[in-house]
């Protein structure tokens, strides 16, 4: 039994506004403070050099740095290549650390190597609670969904053979199927490049076992299963001409790192193609977080240094978003 004075103290502490919980702090937010500062950060030098970060990427890293301050404001001036930040003391400290890190990087490609580009939010029903350039990343369909990938109605619903045509694969091309799953696309594409190699990349060993079994049954020799991870496709630098992902990119838990990995694996001028369900079309019968708009895809891939080429819109439910690695890109810089 507590002494009466202690009981009164405990009740008082738990009812005071500043003590519920942790001095009024909500998860993901800084402690309230009246101290605010405004500062303008110069980005011109940070944008120079081969494989230097883009202005959009620096802006995203800055937004993440102040994301725990609900009153923060970040304004980009594309003309002067500056970013103006207004934030509380903790947020401003994080921004200054970010810019100091970028200035001290030995190579242009390493300026954002240690930066966080994801904002954490409360997860929605179909999401994981990580926001990338304003998009919540969706949950992943696991290997137990393999039957849906191989469903007999898929060709009629999605015109998969037409989609393969739109990839424009030529004999001799080395291709990476990112998030290959059961190899539904890897094997027909392998027939289009008999002297090239198709790397079926997936992070789930069960999917790669399925692919190995199909290789034996179909006697296919130019498909290679590769076990990637959530940050890296684990392919050699400048080893592929095309990387494509069908209904998979929106599930990448670390898209920034994956895009950097794919960019490194592509040869200069090589293409990256995303096939995604159209968010712009409300009639596409897919959950919202498993769709992606053209504008969102461009925002994310252009921020990662890819050049937009075109969008193919001939499929019933999906669009085919084509980007390329700049021809003067250096995988080792």
C-alpha atoms as a PDB file:
ATOM      1  CA  UNK A   1       0.000   0.000   0.000  1.00  0.00           C
ATOM      2  CA  UNK A   2       1.459   3.373  -1.051  1.00  0.00           C
ATOM      3  CA  UNK A   3       1.755   6.200   1.480  1.00  0.00           C
ATOM      4  CA  UNK A   4      -0.928   8.873   0.859  1.00  0.00           C
ATOM      5  CA  UNK A   5       1.594  11.505  -0.236  1.00  0.00           C
ATOM      6  CA  UNK A   6       3.072   9.216  -2.891  1.00  0.00           C
ATOM      7  CA  UNK A   7      -0.373   8.389  -4.281  1.00  0.00           C
ATOM      8  CA  UNK A   8      -1.155  12.086  -4.636  1.00  0.00           C
ATOM      9  CA  UNK A   9       2.156  12.697  -6.381  1.00  0.00           C
ATOM     10  CA  UNK A  10       1.555   9.867  -8.882  1.00  0.00           C
ATOM     11  CA  UNK A  11      -1.953  11.061  -9.683  1.00  0.00           C
ATOM     12  CA  UNK A  12      -0.725  14.623 -10.162  1.00  0.00           C
ATOM     13  CA  UNK A  13       2.101  13.559 -12.482  1.00  0.00           C
ATOM     14  CA  UNK A  14      -0.128  11.418 -14.696  1.00  0.00           C
ATOM     15  CA  UNK A  15      -2.732  14.153 -15.069  1.00  0.00           C
ATOM     16  CA  UNK A  16      -0.438  17.098 -15.764  1.00  0.00           C
ATOM     17  CA  UNK A  17      -0.416  18.030 -19.478  1.00  0.00           C
ATOM     18  CA  UNK A  18       3.361  17.705 -19.653  1.00  0.00           C
ATOM     19  CA  UNK A  19       3.476  14.085 -18.489  1.00  0.00           C
ATOM     20  CA  UNK A  20       1.270  12.092 -20.860  1.00  0.00           C
ATOM     21  CA  UNK A  21       3.235  10.277 -22.203  1.00  0.00           C
ATOM     22  CA  UNK A  22       6.921  11.293 -22.054  1.00  0.00           C
ATOM     23  CA  UNK A  23       6.278  14.988 -21.575  1.00  0.00           C
ATOM     24  CA  UNK A  24       3.575  15.241 -24.230  1.00  0.00           C
ATOM     25  CA  UNK A  25       5.675  13.667 -26.989  1.00  0.00           C
ATOM     26  CA  UNK A  26       3.746  11.603 -29.514  1.00  0.00           C
ATOM     27  CA  UNK A  27       5.575   8.809 -31.365  1.00  0.00           C
ATOM     28  CA  UNK A  28       7.515  10.218 -34.264  1.00  0.00           C
ATOM     29  CA  UNK A  29       7.457  13.831 -33.071  1.00  0.00           C
ATOM     30  CA  UNK A  30      10.026  16.040 -31.365  1.00  0.00           C
ATOM     31  CA  UNK A  31       9.261  17.503 -27.954  1.00  0.00           C
ATOM     32  CA  UNK A  32       7.378  20.800 -28.331  1.00  0.00           C
ATOM     33  CA  UNK A  33       9.638  23.856 -28.298  1.00  0.00           C
ATOM     34  CA  UNK A  34       9.240  27.548 -28.947  1.00  0.00           C
ATOM     35  CA  UNK A  35      12.718  27.831 -30.410  1.00  0.00           C
ATOM     36  CA  UNK A  36      12.500  28.037 -34.181  1.00  0.00           C
ATOM     37  CA  UNK A  37      15.061  28.989 -36.772  1.00  0.00           C
ATOM     38  CA  UNK A  38      15.162  29.698 -40.493  1.00  0.00           C
ATOM     39  CA  UNK A  39      18.134  29.078 -42.747  1.00  0.00           C
ATOM     40  CA  UNK A  40      18.857  28.811 -46.463  1.00  0.00           C
ATOM     41  CA  UNK A  41      21.101  25.985 -47.693  1.00  0.00           C
ATOM     42  CA  UNK A  42      23.137  26.202 -50.918  1.00  0.00           C
ATOM     43  CA  UNK A  43      22.926  23.094 -53.116  1.00  0.00           C
ATOM     44  CA  UNK A  44      24.764  24.022 -56.350  1.00  0.00           C
ATOM     45  CA  UNK A  45      28.045  22.352 -55.416  1.00  0.00           C
ATOM     46  CA  UNK A  46      26.230  19.296 -54.089  1.00  0.00           C
ATOM     47  CA  UNK A  47      24.562  18.816 -57.484  1.00  0.00           C
ATOM     48  CA  UNK A  48      27.828  18.826 -59.452  1.00  0.00           C
ATOM     49  CA  UNK A  49      29.827  15.783 -60.481  1.00  0.00           C
ATOM     50  CA  UNK A  50      29.064  12.400 -62.016  1.00  0.00           C
ATOM     51  CA  UNK A  51      26.286  10.564 -60.152  1.00  0.00           C
ATOM     52  CA  UNK A  52      25.722  13.535 -57.842  1.00  0.00           C
ATOM     53  CA  UNK A  53      22.362  13.595 -56.062  1.00  0.00           C
ATOM     54  CA  UNK A  54      19.446  15.379 -57.690  1.00  0.00           C
ATOM     55  CA  UNK A  55      17.722  18.407 -56.200  1.00  0.00           C
ATOM     56  CA  UNK A  56      14.622  16.282 -55.578  1.00  0.00           C
ATOM     57  CA  UNK A  57      16.643  13.734 -53.615  1.00  0.00           C
ATOM     58  CA  UNK A  58      18.250  16.420 -51.454  1.00  0.00           C
ATOM     59  CA  UNK A  59      14.818  17.928 -50.826  1.00  0.00           C
ATOM     60  CA  UNK A  60      13.458  14.526 -49.763  1.00  0.00           C
ATOM     61  CA  UNK A  61      16.348  13.962 -47.356  1.00  0.00           C
ATOM     62  CA  UNK A  62      15.716  17.431 -45.909  1.00  0.00           C
ATOM     63  CA  UNK A  63      12.011  16.703 -45.461  1.00  0.00           C
ATOM     64  CA  UNK A  64      12.889  13.518 -43.598  1.00  0.00           C
ATOM     65  CA  UNK A  65      15.303  15.439 -41.349  1.00  0.00           C
ATOM     66  CA  UNK A  66      12.510  17.756 -40.159  1.00  0.00           C
ATOM     67  CA  UNK A  67       9.648  15.259 -40.367  1.00  0.00           C
ATOM     68  CA  UNK A  68       9.323  15.017 -36.575  1.00  0.00           C
ATOM     69  CA  UNK A  69       8.575  18.733 -36.381  1.00  0.00           C
ATOM     70  CA  UNK A  70       4.920  19.191 -37.448  1.00  0.00           C
ATOM     71  CA  UNK A  71       5.470  22.926 -37.936  1.00  0.00           C
ATOM     72  CA  UNK A  72       8.512  22.633 -40.172  1.00  0.00           C
ATOM     73  CA  UNK A  73       8.567  24.204 -43.622  1.00  0.00           C
ATOM     74  CA  UNK A  74      10.884  23.313 -46.516  1.00  0.00           C
ATOM     75  CA  UNK A  75      10.926  25.499 -49.638  1.00  0.00           C
ATOM     76  CA  UNK A  76      12.979  24.735 -52.751  1.00  0.00           C
ATOM     77  CA  UNK A  77      14.177  27.440 -55.145  1.00  0.00           C
ATOM     78  CA  UNK A  78      15.113  25.690 -58.377  1.00  0.00           C
ATOM     79  CA  UNK A  79      16.515  28.889 -59.892  1.00  0.00           C
ATOM     80  CA  UNK A  80      19.070  29.580 -57.170  1.00  0.00           C
ATOM     81  CA  UNK A  81      19.460  25.891 -56.250  1.00  0.00           C
ATOM     82  CA  UNK A  82      18.780  26.562 -52.594  1.00  0.00           C
ATOM     83  CA  UNK A  83      16.561  25.048 -49.940  1.00  0.00           C
ATOM     84  CA  UNK A  84      15.066  27.237 -47.216  1.00  0.00           C
ATOM     85  CA  UNK A  85      14.240  25.442 -43.976  1.00  0.00           C
ATOM     86  CA  UNK A  86      12.212  26.686 -41.032  1.00  0.00           C
ATOM     87  CA  UNK A  87      12.191  24.243 -38.130  1.00  0.00           C
ATOM     88  CA  UNK A  88      12.642  23.796 -34.415  1.00  0.00           C
ATOM     89  CA  UNK A  89      16.115  23.464 -32.928  1.00  0.00           C
ATOM     90  CA  UNK A  90      16.282  19.684 -33.206  1.00  0.00           C
ATOM     91  CA  UNK A  91      15.054  19.681 -36.783  1.00  0.00           C
ATOM     92  CA  UNK A  92      17.531  22.377 -37.789  1.00  0.00           C
ATOM     93  CA  UNK A  93      20.350  20.417 -36.158  1.00  0.00           C
ATOM     94  CA  UNK A  94      19.426  17.349 -38.232  1.00  0.00           C
ATOM     95  CA  UNK A  95      19.367  19.400 -41.436  1.00  0.00           C
ATOM     96  CA  UNK A  96      22.783  20.899 -40.706  1.00  0.00           C
ATOM     97  CA  UNK A  97      24.193  17.441 -40.060  1.00  0.00           C
ATOM     98  CA  UNK A  98      22.738  16.263 -43.365  1.00  0.00           C
ATOM     99  CA  UNK A  99      24.352  19.076 -45.345  1.00  0.00           C
ATOM    100  CA  UNK A 100      27.658  18.683 -43.497  1.00  0.00           C
ATOM    101  CA  UNK A 101      27.651  14.990 -44.397  1.00  0.00           C
ATOM    102  CA  UNK A 102      26.985  15.763 -48.060  1.00  0.00           C
ATOM    103  CA  UNK A 103      29.764  18.374 -48.209  1.00  0.00           C
ATOM    104  CA  UNK A 104      32.285  15.984 -46.653  1.00  0.00           C
ATOM    105  CA  UNK A 105      31.557  13.040 -48.958  1.00  0.00           C
ATOM    106  CA  UNK A 106      34.593  11.902 -50.955  1.00  0.00           C
ATOM    107  CA  UNK A 107      32.599  11.171 -54.139  1.00  0.00           C
ATOM    108  CA  UNK A 108      29.486  12.831 -55.591  1.00  0.00           C
ATOM    109  CA  UNK A 109      27.694   9.456 -55.554  1.00  0.00           C
ATOM    110  CA  UNK A 110      28.276   9.165 -51.787  1.00  0.00           C
ATOM    111  CA  UNK A 111      26.713  12.474 -50.745  1.00  0.00           C
ATOM    112  CA  UNK A 112      23.457  10.839 -49.693  1.00  0.00           C
ATOM    113  CA  UNK A 113      24.915   7.448 -48.746  1.00  0.00           C
ATOM    114  CA  UNK A 114      24.195   7.881 -45.056  1.00  0.00           C
ATOM    115  CA  UNK A 115      20.952   9.825 -45.435  1.00  0.00           C
ATOM    116  CA  UNK A 116      17.472   8.609 -44.583  1.00  0.00           C
ATOM    117  CA  UNK A 117      14.916   9.219 -47.339  1.00  0.00           C
ATOM    118  CA  UNK A 118      11.897   7.651 -45.653  1.00  0.00           C
ATOM    119  CA  UNK A 119       9.297   9.322 -43.458  1.00  0.00           C
ATOM    120  CA  UNK A 120       7.691   7.047 -40.865  1.00  0.00           C
ATOM    121  CA  UNK A 121       3.932   7.254 -40.402  1.00  0.00           C
ATOM    122  CA  UNK A 122       1.205   5.139 -38.852  1.00  0.00           C
ATOM    123  CA  UNK A 123       0.814   2.211 -41.252  1.00  0.00           C
ATOM    124  CA  UNK A 124      -2.417   1.995 -43.215  1.00  0.00           C
ATOM    125  CA  UNK A 125      -4.207  -1.326 -43.691  1.00  0.00           C
ATOM    126  CA  UNK A 126      -2.222  -2.306 -46.798  1.00  0.00           C
ATOM    127  CA  UNK A 127       0.955  -0.318 -46.140  1.00  0.00           C
ATOM    128  CA  UNK A 128       4.095  -0.622 -44.047  1.00  0.00           C
ATOM    129  CA  UNK A 129       4.154   2.890 -42.593  1.00  0.00           C
ATOM    130  CA  UNK A 130       7.116   4.132 -44.668  1.00  0.00           C
ATOM    131  CA  UNK A 131       6.594   7.088 -46.978  1.00  0.00           C
ATOM    132  CA  UNK A 132       8.824   7.703 -49.980  1.00  0.00           C
ATOM    133  CA  UNK A 133       8.317  10.941 -51.921  1.00  0.00           C
ATOM    134  CA  UNK A 134       4.784  11.136 -50.536  1.00  0.00           C
ATOM    135  CA  UNK A 135       3.863   7.511 -51.330  1.00  0.00           C
ATOM    136  CA  UNK A 136       3.251   4.914 -48.644  1.00  0.00           C
ATOM    137  CA  UNK A 137       5.038   1.689 -49.530  1.00  0.00           C
ATOM    138  CA  UNK A 138       2.688  -1.284 -49.764  1.00  0.00           C
ATOM    139  CA  UNK A 139       2.901  -4.642 -48.076  1.00  0.00           C
ATOM    140  CA  UNK A 140       4.506  -7.499 -50.004  1.00  0.00           C
ATOM    141  CA  UNK A 141       2.671 -10.426 -51.554  1.00  0.00           C
ATOM    142  CA  UNK A 142       4.650 -13.455 -50.339  1.00  0.00           C
ATOM    143  CA  UNK A 143       5.447 -16.763 -52.012  1.00  0.00           C
ATOM    144  CA  UNK A 144       2.055 -18.106 -50.915  1.00  0.00           C
ATOM    145  CA  UNK A 145       0.587 -15.878 -53.628  1.00  0.00           C
ATOM    146  CA  UNK A 146       2.437 -17.767 -56.387  1.00  0.00           C
ATOM    147  CA  UNK A 147      -0.826 -19.295 -57.590  1.00  0.00           C
ATOM    148  CA  UNK A 148      -2.254 -15.850 -58.282  1.00  0.00           C
ATOM    149  CA  UNK A 149       0.794 -14.985 -60.392  1.00  0.00           C
ATOM    150  CA  UNK A 150       0.260 -18.125 -62.477  1.00  0.00           C
ATOM    151  CA  UNK A 151      -3.539 -17.821 -62.732  1.00  0.00           C
ATOM    152  CA  UNK A 152      -4.943 -18.948 -66.114  1.00  0.00           C
ATOM    153  CA  UNK A 153      -6.882 -15.685 -66.588  1.00  0.00           C
ATOM    154  CA  UNK A 154      -3.792 -13.482 -66.350  1.00  0.00           C
ATOM    155  CA  UNK A 155      -3.086 -13.281 -70.090  1.00  0.00           C
ATOM    156  CA  UNK A 156      -6.660 -12.246 -70.839  1.00  0.00           C
ATOM    157  CA  UNK A 157      -6.777  -9.719 -68.000  1.00  0.00           C
ATOM    158  CA  UNK A 158      -3.354  -8.148 -68.470  1.00  0.00           C
ATOM    159  CA  UNK A 159      -2.244  -9.066 -72.036  1.00  0.00           C
ATOM    160  CA  UNK A 160       1.113 -10.278 -70.719  1.00  0.00           C
ATOM    161  CA  UNK A 161       2.380 -11.285 -74.168  1.00  0.00           C
ATOM    162  CA  UNK A 162       1.803  -7.703 -75.349  1.00  0.00           C
ATOM    163  CA  UNK A 163       3.647  -6.424 -72.289  1.00  0.00           C
ATOM    164  CA  UNK A 164       6.647  -8.573 -73.200  1.00  0.00           C
ATOM    165  CA  UNK A 165       6.581  -7.063 -76.701  1.00  0.00           C
ATOM    166  CA  UNK A 166       6.675  -3.586 -75.148  1.00  0.00           C
ATOM    167  CA  UNK A 167       9.878  -4.440 -73.277  1.00  0.00           C
ATOM    168  CA  UNK A 168      11.575  -4.521 -76.681  1.00  0.00           C
ATOM    169  CA  UNK A 169      14.128  -7.205 -75.808  1.00  0.00           C
ATOM    170  CA  UNK A 170      16.639  -8.159 -78.524  1.00  0.00           C
ATOM    171  CA  UNK A 171      18.847 -11.207 -78.836  1.00  0.00           C
ATOM    172  CA  UNK A 172      22.047 -10.690 -76.881  1.00  0.00           C
ATOM    173  CA  UNK A 173      20.451  -8.470 -74.252  1.00  0.00           C
ATOM    174  CA  UNK A 174      21.255  -9.300 -70.635  1.00  0.00           C
ATOM    175  CA  UNK A 175      18.075  -8.723 -68.645  1.00  0.00           C
ATOM    176  CA  UNK A 176      17.172  -8.600 -64.945  1.00  0.00           C
ATOM    177  CA  UNK A 177      13.637  -9.517 -63.892  1.00  0.00           C
ATOM    178  CA  UNK A 178      13.424  -7.744 -60.516  1.00  0.00           C
ATOM    179  CA  UNK A 179      10.948  -9.408 -58.188  1.00  0.00           C
ATOM    180  CA  UNK A 180      10.754 -12.327 -60.610  1.00  0.00           C
ATOM    181  CA  UNK A 181       8.454 -14.409 -58.445  1.00  0.00           C
ATOM    182  CA  UNK A 182       7.707 -17.674 -60.226  1.00  0.00           C
ATOM    183  CA  UNK A 183       9.564 -16.583 -63.362  1.00  0.00           C
ATOM    184  CA  UNK A 184       6.309 -15.949 -65.203  1.00  0.00           C
ATOM    185  CA  UNK A 185       8.072 -13.355 -67.360  1.00  0.00           C
ATOM    186  CA  UNK A 186      11.667 -14.550 -67.043  1.00  0.00           C
ATOM    187  CA  UNK A 187      11.182 -17.657 -69.188  1.00  0.00           C
ATOM    188  CA  UNK A 188       9.379 -16.145 -72.198  1.00  0.00           C
ATOM    189  CA  UNK A 189      11.878 -13.279 -72.212  1.00  0.00           C
ATOM    190  CA  UNK A 190      14.746 -15.778 -72.150  1.00  0.00           C
ATOM    191  CA  UNK A 191      13.463 -17.132 -75.471  1.00  0.00           C
ATOM    192  CA  UNK A 192      13.833 -13.649 -76.978  1.00  0.00           C
ATOM    193  CA  UNK A 193      17.486 -13.355 -76.040  1.00  0.00           C
ATOM    194  CA  UNK A 194      18.911 -16.867 -76.504  1.00  0.00           C
ATOM    195  CA  UNK A 195      22.498 -15.599 -76.493  1.00  0.00           C
ATOM    196  CA  UNK A 196      21.893 -13.332 -73.503  1.00  0.00           C
ATOM    197  CA  UNK A 197      21.150 -14.050 -69.855  1.00  0.00           C
ATOM    198  CA  UNK A 198      18.002 -13.392 -67.862  1.00  0.00           C
ATOM    199  CA  UNK A 199      18.654 -12.884 -64.159  1.00  0.00           C
ATOM    200  CA  UNK A 200      15.532 -13.793 -62.173  1.00  0.00           C
ATOM    201  CA  UNK A 201      16.036 -11.740 -59.018  1.00  0.00           C
ATOM    202  CA  UNK A 202      13.919 -12.284 -55.929  1.00  0.00           C
ATOM    203  CA  UNK A 203      14.375 -11.936 -52.173  1.00  0.00           C
ATOM    204  CA  UNK A 204      12.355 -15.069 -51.385  1.00  0.00           C
ATOM    205  CA  UNK A 205      14.274 -18.377 -51.637  1.00  0.00           C
ATOM    206  CA  UNK A 206      10.983 -20.213 -52.192  1.00  0.00           C
ATOM    207  CA  UNK A 207      10.456 -18.320 -55.457  1.00  0.00           C
ATOM    208  CA  UNK A 208      13.947 -19.193 -56.655  1.00  0.00           C
ATOM    209  CA  UNK A 209      13.304 -22.870 -55.892  1.00  0.00           C
ATOM    210  CA  UNK A 210      10.227 -22.650 -58.112  1.00  0.00           C
ATOM    211  CA  UNK A 211      12.355 -21.121 -60.893  1.00  0.00           C
ATOM    212  CA  UNK A 212      15.062 -23.802 -60.593  1.00  0.00           C
ATOM    213  CA  UNK A 213      12.418 -26.508 -60.856  1.00  0.00           C
ATOM    214  CA  UNK A 214      10.959 -24.909 -63.965  1.00  0.00           C
ATOM    215  CA  UNK A 215      14.432 -24.592 -65.532  1.00  0.00           C
ATOM    216  CA  UNK A 216      14.913 -28.344 -65.204  1.00  0.00           C
ATOM    217  CA  UNK A 217      11.485 -29.174 -66.600  1.00  0.00           C
ATOM    218  CA  UNK A 218      11.732 -26.745 -69.542  1.00  0.00           C
ATOM    219  CA  UNK A 219      15.474 -27.372 -70.095  1.00  0.00           C
ATOM    220  CA  UNK A 220      16.250 -23.656 -70.070  1.00  0.00           C
ATOM    221  CA  UNK A 221      19.898 -22.691 -69.641  1.00  0.00           C
ATOM    222  CA  UNK A 222      19.940 -18.889 -69.938  1.00  0.00           C
ATOM    223  CA  UNK A 223      17.849 -18.067 -66.857  1.00  0.00           C
ATOM    224  CA  UNK A 224      19.811 -17.591 -63.649  1.00  0.00           C
ATOM    225  CA  UNK A 225      18.083 -17.233 -60.302  1.00  0.00           C
ATOM    226  CA  UNK A 226      19.634 -14.577 -58.064  1.00  0.00           C
ATOM    227  CA  UNK A 227      18.822 -14.104 -54.398  1.00  0.00           C
ATOM    228  CA  UNK A 228      18.734 -10.377 -53.784  1.00  0.00           C
ATOM    229  CA  UNK A 229      17.908  -8.573 -50.581  1.00  0.00           C
ATOM    230  CA  UNK A 230      15.669  -5.653 -49.700  1.00  0.00           C
ATOM    231  CA  UNK A 231      18.401  -3.122 -50.557  1.00  0.00           C
ATOM    232  CA  UNK A 232      20.441  -4.732 -53.333  1.00  0.00           C
ATOM    233  CA  UNK A 233      19.785  -6.761 -56.493  1.00  0.00           C
ATOM    234  CA  UNK A 234      23.270  -8.276 -56.080  1.00  0.00           C
ATOM    235  CA  UNK A 235      24.266  -8.052 -59.722  1.00  0.00           C
ATOM    236  CA  UNK A 236      27.694  -7.144 -61.044  1.00  0.00           C
ATOM    237  CA  UNK A 237      28.318  -3.506 -62.074  1.00  0.00           C
ATOM    238  CA  UNK A 238      27.356  -2.731 -65.681  1.00  0.00           C
ATOM    239  CA  UNK A 239      26.224  -6.310 -66.289  1.00  0.00           C
ATOM    240  CA  UNK A 240      22.724  -5.778 -67.742  1.00  0.00           C
ATOM    241  CA  UNK A 241      21.037  -3.887 -70.576  1.00  0.00           C
ATOM    242  CA  UNK A 242      17.545  -3.908 -69.104  1.00  0.00           C
ATOM    243  CA  UNK A 243      16.032  -4.192 -65.643  1.00  0.00           C
ATOM    244  CA  UNK A 244      12.280  -4.515 -65.371  1.00  0.00           C
ATOM    245  CA  UNK A 245       9.827  -5.006 -62.517  1.00  0.00           C
ATOM    246  CA  UNK A 246       6.227  -6.097 -63.059  1.00  0.00           C
ATOM    247  CA  UNK A 247       3.790  -5.091 -60.310  1.00  0.00           C
ATOM    248  CA  UNK A 248       6.683  -5.202 -57.835  1.00  0.00           C
ATOM    249  CA  UNK A 249       8.365  -1.825 -57.464  1.00  0.00           C
ATOM    250  CA  UNK A 250       5.599  -0.388 -55.284  1.00  0.00           C
ATOM    251  CA  UNK A 251       6.359  -3.179 -52.758  1.00  0.00           C
ATOM    252  CA  UNK A 252      10.093  -2.438 -52.448  1.00  0.00           C
ATOM    253  CA  UNK A 253      10.660  -1.634 -48.774  1.00  0.00           C
ATOM    254  CA  UNK A 254      13.866   0.269 -49.658  1.00  0.00           C
ATOM    255  CA  UNK A 255      13.251   1.724 -53.135  1.00  0.00           C
ATOM    256  CA  UNK A 256      16.022   4.327 -52.874  1.00  0.00           C
ATOM    257  CA  UNK A 257      18.694   1.727 -52.218  1.00  0.00           C
ATOM    258  CA  UNK A 258      17.238  -0.657 -54.805  1.00  0.00           C
ATOM    259  CA  UNK A 259      17.227   2.017 -57.492  1.00  0.00           C
ATOM    260  CA  UNK A 260      20.875   2.814 -56.744  1.00  0.00           C
ATOM    261  CA  UNK A 261      21.690  -0.887 -56.971  1.00  0.00           C
ATOM    262  CA  UNK A 262      19.880  -1.251 -60.302  1.00  0.00           C
ATOM    263  CA  UNK A 263      21.524   1.891 -61.668  1.00  0.00           C
ATOM    264  CA  UNK A 264      24.923   0.446 -60.796  1.00  0.00           C
ATOM    265  CA  UNK A 265      24.086  -2.885 -62.477  1.00  0.00           C
ATOM    266  CA  UNK A 266      22.887  -1.239 -65.716  1.00  0.00           C
ATOM    267  CA  UNK A 267      25.275  -0.482 -68.545  1.00  0.00           C
ATOM    268  CA  UNK A 268      25.360   3.197 -69.636  1.00  0.00           C
ATOM    269  CA  UNK A 269      22.189   3.908 -71.587  1.00  0.00           C
ATOM    270  CA  UNK A 270      20.566   0.765 -70.206  1.00  0.00           C
ATOM    271  CA  UNK A 271      16.851   0.836 -69.484  1.00  0.00           C
ATOM    272  CA  UNK A 272      14.786   0.333 -66.353  1.00  0.00           C
ATOM    273  CA  UNK A 273      11.110  -0.383 -66.953  1.00  0.00           C
ATOM    274  CA  UNK A 274       8.339  -0.415 -64.371  1.00  0.00           C
ATOM    275  CA  UNK A 275       5.049  -2.124 -65.169  1.00  0.00           C
ATOM    276  CA  UNK A 276       2.523  -0.905 -62.627  1.00  0.00           C
ATOM    277  CA  UNK A 277      -1.256  -0.869 -62.266  1.00  0.00           C
ATOM    278  CA  UNK A 278      -2.552   2.575 -63.196  1.00  0.00           C
ATOM    279  CA  UNK A 279      -3.487   4.671 -60.174  1.00  0.00           C
ATOM    280  CA  UNK A 280      -5.088   7.178 -62.545  1.00  0.00           C
ATOM    281  CA  UNK A 281      -7.770   4.645 -63.531  1.00  0.00           C
ATOM    282  CA  UNK A 282     -10.394   3.994 -60.808  1.00  0.00           C
ATOM    283  CA  UNK A 283     -11.724   1.023 -62.799  1.00  0.00           C
ATOM    284  CA  UNK A 284      -8.532  -1.016 -62.336  1.00  0.00           C
ATOM    285  CA  UNK A 285      -9.623  -3.611 -59.723  1.00  0.00           C
ATOM    286  CA  UNK A 286      -6.497  -3.423 -57.547  1.00  0.00           C
ATOM    287  CA  UNK A 287      -5.976  -1.980 -54.046  1.00  0.00           C
ATOM    288  CA  UNK A 288      -4.784   1.612 -54.093  1.00  0.00           C
ATOM    289  CA  UNK A 289      -1.327   1.052 -52.597  1.00  0.00           C
ATOM    290  CA  UNK A 290      -0.679  -1.601 -55.245  1.00  0.00           C
ATOM    291  CA  UNK A 291      -1.194   0.971 -57.991  1.00  0.00           C
ATOM    292  CA  UNK A 292       1.175   3.712 -59.079  1.00  0.00           C
ATOM    293  CA  UNK A 293       0.713   6.866 -61.132  1.00  0.00           C
ATOM    294  CA  UNK A 294       3.013   7.943 -63.927  1.00  0.00           C
ATOM    295  CA  UNK A 295       3.722  11.200 -62.085  1.00  0.00           C
ATOM    296  CA  UNK A 296       4.772   9.350 -58.930  1.00  0.00           C
ATOM    297  CA  UNK A 297       7.031   6.943 -60.826  1.00  0.00           C
ATOM    298  CA  UNK A 298       8.700   9.849 -62.600  1.00  0.00           C
ATOM    299  CA  UNK A 299       9.191  11.714 -59.337  1.00  0.00           C
ATOM    300  CA  UNK A 300      10.957   8.759 -57.718  1.00  0.00           C
ATOM    301  CA  UNK A 301      13.075   7.520 -60.619  1.00  0.00           C
ATOM    302  CA  UNK A 302      14.138  10.938 -61.858  1.00  0.00           C
ATOM    303  CA  UNK A 303      15.151  11.795 -58.290  1.00  0.00           C
ATOM    304  CA  UNK A 304      17.333   8.666 -58.383  1.00  0.00           C
ATOM    305  CA  UNK A 305      19.099   9.917 -61.508  1.00  0.00           C
ATOM    306  CA  UNK A 306      17.241   8.069 -64.274  1.00  0.00           C
ATOM    307  CA  UNK A 307      16.023   9.766 -67.444  1.00  0.00           C
ATOM    308  CA  UNK A 308      12.381   9.416 -68.417  1.00  0.00           C
ATOM    309  CA  UNK A 309      11.912   7.992 -71.918  1.00  0.00           C
ATOM    310  CA  UNK A 310       8.217   7.248 -72.442  1.00  0.00           C
ATOM    311  CA  UNK A 311       5.059   5.598 -71.121  1.00  0.00           C
ATOM    312  CA  UNK A 312       3.272   2.832 -73.011  1.00  0.00           C
ATOM    313  CA  UNK A 313      -0.478   2.737 -72.347  1.00  0.00           C
ATOM    314  CA  UNK A 314      -1.632  -0.180 -74.497  1.00  0.00           C
ATOM    315  CA  UNK A 315      -2.357  -2.643 -71.678  1.00  0.00           C
ATOM    316  CA  UNK A 316      -5.806  -3.031 -70.082  1.00  0.00           C
ATOM    317  CA  UNK A 317      -4.811  -2.315 -66.477  1.00  0.00           C
ATOM    318  CA  UNK A 318      -1.153  -1.343 -66.407  1.00  0.00           C
ATOM    319  CA  UNK A 319       1.161   1.232 -67.873  1.00  0.00           C
ATOM    320  CA  UNK A 320       4.732   0.507 -68.945  1.00  0.00           C
ATOM    321  CA  UNK A 321       7.046   3.246 -67.661  1.00  0.00           C
ATOM    322  CA  UNK A 322      10.373   3.404 -69.467  1.00  0.00           C
ATOM    323  CA  UNK A 323      13.478   5.116 -68.055  1.00  0.00           C
ATOM    324  CA  UNK A 324      17.154   4.855 -68.816  1.00  0.00           C
ATOM    325  CA  UNK A 325      20.502   5.262 -67.130  1.00  0.00           C
ATOM    326  CA  UNK A 326      22.366   8.310 -68.540  1.00  0.00           C
ATOM    327  CA  UNK A 327      24.938   7.341 -71.158  1.00  0.00           C
ATOM    328  CA  UNK A 328      27.674   9.250 -69.301  1.00  0.00           C
ATOM    329  CA  UNK A 329      26.921   7.484 -66.017  1.00  0.00           C
ATOM    330  CA  UNK A 330      29.846   5.809 -64.264  1.00  0.00           C
ATOM    331  CA  UNK A 331      28.937   2.811 -62.104  1.00  0.00           C
ATOM    332  CA  UNK A 332      32.093   3.172 -60.000  1.00  0.00           C
ATOM    333  CA  UNK A 333      32.013   6.924 -59.320  1.00  0.00           C
END
